[in-house]
Amino acid sequence: MKSNILLATALAMSFLVTTTTMAADYVIDIKGQHASVNFKASHLGYSYVVGRFNHFSGEFSHDPANPAEANVQVIIQAKSLDTNHAERDKHLRSADFFEVNKYPVIAFESTSFKNGQLVGNLSLRGITKSITLDVIQIGEGDDPWGGYRSGFEGEVNLKATDFGLPGWVGDVAVSLQVEGVRQ
């Protein structure tokens, strides 16, 4: 009898340890718009064009006890590009730049995470390259509606020519602010 109690206790403890160290799955909070994908690119070397993508979705897995197991997927609708200037946006969506009719989606899928750097494959204009985002966790915890949230910020500089964009564009600074709702 005593050995059954010990066995049951050991199994219960191993279950608790297993469940507390497993990664949690999150969906990026698009409904509440607690997420954004922004960019900044040089305009002829005189100033910057600043913009964002208004429509995207994604999910991630996160375990604070084992950050190396993080996993992220983001899908951006290229047509949702918005620089607050209709004619410029039309030009940026054309074959001169993003060619959104031929390449409607920009996709990112992570491959590893270590020391605040998220590595993954970015597919843009039919070209897939490995990129590294510098990532920090903003915070996580219970929300007022009975859910649990986790938020991150990431930044990367992309070389425009790596993705078939004109060379004079130079580097494009991309920043993401992501708040996920645990599923």
C-alpha atoms as a PDB file:
ATOM      1  CA  MET A   1       0.000   0.000   0.000  1.00  0.00           C
ATOM      2  CA  LYS A   2       2.791   2.378   0.975  1.00  0.00           C
ATOM      3  CA  SER A   3       4.591   1.715  -2.329  1.00  0.00           C
ATOM      4  CA  ASN A   4       1.385   2.514  -4.287  1.00  0.00           C
ATOM      5  CA  ILE A   5       1.092   5.865  -2.540  1.00  0.00           C
ATOM      6  CA  LEU A   6       4.744   6.617  -3.256  1.00  0.00           C
ATOM      7  CA  LEU A   7       4.303   5.609  -6.886  1.00  0.00           C
ATOM      8  CA  ALA A   8       1.174   7.757  -7.246  1.00  0.00           C
ATOM      9  CA  THR A   9       2.940  10.720  -5.637  1.00  0.00           C
ATOM     10  CA  ALA A  10       5.973  10.297  -7.911  1.00  0.00           C
ATOM     11  CA  LEU A  11       3.744  10.131 -11.004  1.00  0.00           C
ATOM     12  CA  ALA A  12       1.808  13.212  -9.909  1.00  0.00           C
ATOM     13  CA  MET A  13       5.039  15.127  -9.284  1.00  0.00           C
ATOM     14  CA  SER A  14       6.478  14.131 -12.649  1.00  0.00           C
ATOM     15  CA  PHE A  15       3.239  15.268 -14.326  1.00  0.00           C
ATOM     16  CA  LEU A  16       3.439  18.642 -12.574  1.00  0.00           C
ATOM     17  CA  VAL A  17       7.084  19.092 -13.536  1.00  0.00           C
ATOM     18  CA  THR A  18       6.332  18.097 -17.129  1.00  0.00           C
ATOM     19  CA  THR A  19       3.365  20.436 -17.489  1.00  0.00           C
ATOM     20  CA  THR A  20       5.116  23.424 -15.933  1.00  0.00           C
ATOM     21  CA  THR A  21       8.117  23.145 -18.254  1.00  0.00           C
ATOM     22  CA  MET A  22       6.217  22.580 -21.485  1.00  0.00           C
ATOM     23  CA  ALA A  23       6.011  25.370 -24.010  1.00  0.00           C
ATOM     24  CA  ALA A  24       2.739  27.251 -24.211  1.00  0.00           C
ATOM     25  CA  ASP A  25       1.144  28.020 -27.569  1.00  0.00           C
ATOM     26  CA  TYR A  26       0.055  31.577 -28.339  1.00  0.00           C
ATOM     27  CA  VAL A  27      -1.879  33.240 -31.158  1.00  0.00           C
ATOM     28  CA  ILE A  28      -0.857  36.784 -32.062  1.00  0.00           C
ATOM     29  CA  ASP A  29      -3.588  39.162 -30.882  1.00  0.00           C
ATOM     30  CA  ILE A  30      -4.765  40.620 -34.171  1.00  0.00           C
ATOM     31  CA  LYS A  31      -8.352  41.204 -33.013  1.00  0.00           C
ATOM     32  CA  GLY A  32      -7.232  43.632 -30.327  1.00  0.00           C
ATOM     33  CA  GLN A  33      -4.451  44.919 -32.623  1.00  0.00           C
ATOM     34  CA  HIS A  34      -1.873  44.351 -29.923  1.00  0.00           C
ATOM     35  CA  ALA A  35       0.705  43.622 -32.582  1.00  0.00           C
ATOM     36  CA  SER A  36       2.356  45.469 -35.441  1.00  0.00           C
ATOM     37  CA  VAL A  37       4.838  44.931 -38.272  1.00  0.00           C
ATOM     38  CA  ASN A  38       6.610  48.188 -39.158  1.00  0.00           C
ATOM     39  CA  PHE A  39       9.403  49.173 -41.508  1.00  0.00           C
ATOM     40  CA  LYS A  40      11.656  52.122 -42.290  1.00  0.00           C
ATOM     41  CA  ALA A  41      13.629  52.541 -45.509  1.00  0.00           C
ATOM     42  CA  SER A  42      15.764  55.310 -46.936  1.00  0.00           C
ATOM     43  CA  HIS A  43      14.149  57.646 -49.449  1.00  0.00           C
ATOM     44  CA  LEU A  44      16.920  58.610 -51.862  1.00  0.00           C
ATOM     45  CA  GLY A  45      19.276  59.097 -48.918  1.00  0.00           C
ATOM     46  CA  TYR A  46      17.435  62.293 -47.892  1.00  0.00           C
ATOM     47  CA  SER A  47      14.822  60.984 -45.479  1.00  0.00           C
ATOM     48  CA  TYR A  48      12.919  57.819 -44.572  1.00  0.00           C
ATOM     49  CA  VAL A  49       9.740  56.176 -45.722  1.00  0.00           C
ATOM     50  CA  VAL A  50       8.030  54.692 -42.703  1.00  0.00           C
ATOM     51  CA  GLY A  51       5.264  52.158 -43.040  1.00  0.00           C
ATOM     52  CA  ARG A  52       3.552  49.074 -41.766  1.00  0.00           C
ATOM     53  CA  PHE A  53       1.676  45.993 -42.868  1.00  0.00           C
ATOM     54  CA  ASN A  54      -1.920  46.163 -41.675  1.00  0.00           C
ATOM     55  CA  HIS A  55      -2.901  42.508 -42.159  1.00  0.00           C
ATOM     56  CA  PHE A  56      -0.900  39.620 -40.770  1.00  0.00           C
ATOM     57  CA  SER A  57      -1.339  36.628 -38.525  1.00  0.00           C
ATOM     58  CA  GLY A  58       0.832  34.291 -36.584  1.00  0.00           C
ATOM     59  CA  GLU A  59       1.469  32.060 -33.667  1.00  0.00           C
ATOM     60  CA  PHE A  60       4.319  31.170 -31.398  1.00  0.00           C
ATOM     61  CA  SER A  61       5.321  28.707 -28.701  1.00  0.00           C
ATOM     62  CA  HIS A  62       7.170  29.977 -25.667  1.00  0.00           C
ATOM     63  CA  ASP A  63       8.528  28.366 -22.514  1.00  0.00           C
ATOM     64  CA  PRO A  64      10.386  30.750 -20.165  1.00  0.00           C
ATOM     65  CA  ALA A  65      12.210  27.774 -18.628  1.00  0.00           C
ATOM     66  CA  ASN A  66      13.474  26.621 -22.030  1.00  0.00           C
ATOM     67  CA  PRO A  67      13.686  29.594 -24.439  1.00  0.00           C
ATOM     68  CA  ALA A  68      15.681  27.583 -27.006  1.00  0.00           C
ATOM     69  CA  GLU A  69      12.502  25.661 -27.806  1.00  0.00           C
ATOM     70  CA  ALA A  70      10.695  28.810 -29.031  1.00  0.00           C
ATOM     71  CA  ASN A  71       8.888  28.499 -32.337  1.00  0.00           C
ATOM     72  CA  VAL A  72       7.390  31.360 -34.384  1.00  0.00           C
ATOM     73  CA  GLN A  73       5.382  31.588 -37.611  1.00  0.00           C
ATOM     74  CA  VAL A  74       4.126  34.854 -39.123  1.00  0.00           C
ATOM     75  CA  ILE A  75       2.232  35.389 -42.384  1.00  0.00           C
ATOM     76  CA  ILE A  76       1.987  38.961 -43.734  1.00  0.00           C
ATOM     77  CA  GLN A  77      -0.410  40.006 -46.487  1.00  0.00           C
ATOM     78  CA  ALA A  78       1.914  42.021 -48.771  1.00  0.00           C
ATOM     79  CA  LYS A  79      -0.982  43.997 -50.257  1.00  0.00           C
ATOM     80  CA  SER A  80      -1.662  45.489 -46.794  1.00  0.00           C
ATOM     81  CA  LEU A  81       1.504  47.624 -47.058  1.00  0.00           C
ATOM     82  CA  ASP A  82       0.667  51.125 -45.803  1.00  0.00           C
ATOM     83  CA  THR A  83       2.930  54.204 -45.818  1.00  0.00           C
ATOM     84  CA  ASN A  84       0.051  56.664 -45.429  1.00  0.00           C
ATOM     85  CA  HIS A  85       0.399  57.770 -49.072  1.00  0.00           C
ATOM     86  CA  ALA A  86      -1.891  56.047 -51.606  1.00  0.00           C
ATOM     87  CA  GLU A  87       0.184  56.689 -54.746  1.00  0.00           C
ATOM     88  CA  ARG A  88       3.436  55.603 -53.103  1.00  0.00           C
ATOM     89  CA  ASP A  89       1.710  52.472 -51.728  1.00  0.00           C
ATOM     90  CA  LYS A  90       0.447  51.651 -55.222  1.00  0.00           C
ATOM     91  CA  HIS A  91       4.017  51.956 -56.544  1.00  0.00           C
ATOM     92  CA  LEU A  92       5.469  49.870 -53.693  1.00  0.00           C
ATOM     93  CA  ARG A  93       2.915  47.118 -54.416  1.00  0.00           C
ATOM     94  CA  SER A  94       3.917  47.060 -58.113  1.00  0.00           C
ATOM     95  CA  ALA A  95       6.523  44.877 -59.851  1.00  0.00           C
ATOM     96  CA  ASP A  96       9.113  47.609 -59.132  1.00  0.00           C
ATOM     97  CA  PHE A  97       9.081  46.610 -55.464  1.00  0.00           C
ATOM     98  CA  PHE A  98       6.910  44.014 -53.673  1.00  0.00           C
ATOM     99  CA  GLU A  99       5.033  42.686 -56.725  1.00  0.00           C
ATOM    100  CA  VAL A 100       2.076  41.760 -54.514  1.00  0.00           C
ATOM    101  CA  ASN A 101      -0.047  40.228 -57.282  1.00  0.00           C
ATOM    102  CA  LYS A 102       2.631  37.618 -57.940  1.00  0.00           C
ATOM    103  CA  TYR A 103       3.853  37.317 -54.308  1.00  0.00           C
ATOM    104  CA  PRO A 104       0.842  38.026 -52.066  1.00  0.00           C
ATOM    105  CA  VAL A 105       2.394  36.655 -48.865  1.00  0.00           C
ATOM    106  CA  ILE A 106       5.526  37.419 -46.867  1.00  0.00           C
ATOM    107  CA  ALA A 107       6.266  34.531 -44.508  1.00  0.00           C
ATOM    108  CA  PHE A 108       8.601  33.965 -41.586  1.00  0.00           C
ATOM    109  CA  GLU A 109       9.232  30.662 -39.824  1.00  0.00           C
ATOM    110  CA  SER A 110      11.769  30.361 -37.034  1.00  0.00           C
ATOM    111  CA  THR A 111      14.463  27.710 -36.947  1.00  0.00           C
ATOM    112  CA  SER A 112      16.194  28.498 -33.629  1.00  0.00           C
ATOM    113  CA  PHE A 113      16.345  30.878 -30.694  1.00  0.00           C
ATOM    114  CA  LYS A 114      19.404  31.553 -28.569  1.00  0.00           C
ATOM    115  CA  ASN A 115      20.610  34.466 -26.443  1.00  0.00           C
ATOM    116  CA  GLY A 116      17.886  36.850 -27.594  1.00  0.00           C
ATOM    117  CA  GLN A 117      18.314  36.057 -31.281  1.00  0.00           C
ATOM    118  CA  LEU A 118      15.533  34.449 -33.260  1.00  0.00           C
ATOM    119  CA  VAL A 119      16.789  32.835 -36.464  1.00  0.00           C
ATOM    120  CA  GLY A 120      14.411  31.824 -39.211  1.00  0.00           C
ATOM    121  CA  ASN A 121      13.534  31.779 -42.876  1.00  0.00           C
ATOM    122  CA  LEU A 122      11.971  34.868 -44.415  1.00  0.00           C
ATOM    123  CA  SER A 123      10.228  34.424 -47.766  1.00  0.00           C
ATOM    124  CA  LEU A 124       9.706  37.676 -49.670  1.00  0.00           C
ATOM    125  CA  ARG A 125       9.148  38.110 -53.424  1.00  0.00           C
ATOM    126  CA  GLY A 126       9.762  34.392 -54.007  1.00  0.00           C
ATOM    127  CA  ILE A 127      13.160  34.517 -52.299  1.00  0.00           C
ATOM    128  CA  THR A 128      13.787  32.716 -49.005  1.00  0.00           C
ATOM    129  CA  LYS A 129      16.732  33.715 -46.826  1.00  0.00           C
ATOM    130  CA  SER A 130      17.769  33.031 -43.261  1.00  0.00           C
ATOM    131  CA  ILE A 131      17.527  36.157 -41.092  1.00  0.00           C
ATOM    132  CA  THR A 132      18.252  36.892 -37.436  1.00  0.00           C
ATOM    133  CA  LEU A 133      15.980  39.089 -35.339  1.00  0.00           C
ATOM    134  CA  ASP A 134      17.090  40.585 -32.049  1.00  0.00           C
ATOM    135  CA  VAL A 135      14.226  39.791 -29.663  1.00  0.00           C
ATOM    136  CA  ILE A 136      13.331  40.897 -26.158  1.00  0.00           C
ATOM    137  CA  GLN A 137      10.408  39.816 -24.054  1.00  0.00           C
ATOM    138  CA  ILE A 138       8.348  42.770 -22.921  1.00  0.00           C
ATOM    139  CA  GLY A 139       6.354  40.818 -20.347  1.00  0.00           C
ATOM    140  CA  GLU A 140       3.782  38.145 -19.685  1.00  0.00           C
ATOM    141  CA  GLY A 141       0.966  37.391 -17.291  1.00  0.00           C
ATOM    142  CA  ASP A 142      -2.748  37.209 -16.656  1.00  0.00           C
ATOM    143  CA  ASP A 143      -5.007  39.651 -18.486  1.00  0.00           C
ATOM    144  CA  PRO A 144      -8.233  41.212 -17.107  1.00  0.00           C
ATOM    145  CA  TRP A 145     -10.411  38.863 -19.214  1.00  0.00           C
ATOM    146  CA  GLY A 146      -9.234  35.580 -17.728  1.00  0.00           C
ATOM    147  CA  GLY A 147      -6.564  34.855 -20.328  1.00  0.00           C
ATOM    148  CA  TYR A 148      -2.789  34.814 -20.278  1.00  0.00           C
ATOM    149  CA  ARG A 149      -0.599  36.913 -22.574  1.00  0.00           C
ATOM    150  CA  SER A 150       3.037  37.148 -23.553  1.00  0.00           C
ATOM    151  CA  GLY A 151       4.603  40.031 -25.472  1.00  0.00           C
ATOM    152  CA  PHE A 152       7.812  40.418 -27.461  1.00  0.00           C
ATOM    153  CA  GLU A 153       9.570  42.974 -29.605  1.00  0.00           C
ATOM    154  CA  GLY A 154      11.914  42.106 -32.456  1.00  0.00           C
ATOM    155  CA  GLU A 155      14.115  44.033 -34.866  1.00  0.00           C
ATOM    156  CA  VAL A 156      16.112  43.177 -37.968  1.00  0.00           C
ATOM    157  CA  ASN A 157      17.819  45.096 -40.768  1.00  0.00           C
ATOM    158  CA  LEU A 158      17.282  43.572 -44.185  1.00  0.00           C
ATOM    159  CA  LYS A 159      19.382  44.276 -47.254  1.00  0.00           C
ATOM    160  CA  ALA A 160      16.872  45.173 -49.982  1.00  0.00           C
ATOM    161  CA  THR A 161      18.841  43.498 -52.776  1.00  0.00           C
ATOM    162  CA  ASP A 162      18.798  40.173 -50.895  1.00  0.00           C
ATOM    163  CA  PHE A 163      15.079  40.025 -51.706  1.00  0.00           C
ATOM    164  CA  GLY A 164      15.121  41.435 -55.237  1.00  0.00           C
ATOM    165  CA  LEU A 165      14.320  45.014 -54.271  1.00  0.00           C
ATOM    166  CA  PRO A 166      16.191  47.930 -55.897  1.00  0.00           C
ATOM    167  CA  GLY A 167      19.730  48.459 -54.619  1.00  0.00           C
ATOM    168  CA  TRP A 168      19.234  52.148 -53.962  1.00  0.00           C
ATOM    169  CA  VAL A 169      16.746  51.252 -51.215  1.00  0.00           C
ATOM    170  CA  GLY A 170      19.652  50.017 -49.085  1.00  0.00           C
ATOM    171  CA  ASP A 171      18.788  48.517 -45.728  1.00  0.00           C
ATOM    172  CA  VAL A 172      15.234  48.235 -44.492  1.00  0.00           C
ATOM    173  CA  ALA A 173      14.745  48.329 -40.719  1.00  0.00           C
ATOM    174  CA  VAL A 174      11.888  46.050 -39.680  1.00  0.00           C
ATOM    175  CA  SER A 175      10.370  45.997 -36.207  1.00  0.00           C
ATOM    176  CA  LEU A 176       7.672  43.760 -34.802  1.00  0.00           C
ATOM    177  CA  GLN A 177       5.708  44.173 -31.621  1.00  0.00           C
ATOM    178  CA  VAL A 178       3.811  40.975 -30.830  1.00  0.00           C
ATOM    179  CA  GLU A 179       1.390  40.174 -28.039  1.00  0.00           C
ATOM    180  CA  GLY A 180       0.126  36.618 -27.999  1.00  0.00           C
ATOM    181  CA  VAL A 181      -2.862  35.110 -26.233  1.00  0.00           C
ATOM    182  CA  ARG A 182      -2.147  31.681 -24.756  1.00  0.00           C
ATOM    183  CA  GLN A 183      -4.330  28.950 -26.207  1.00  0.00           C
END
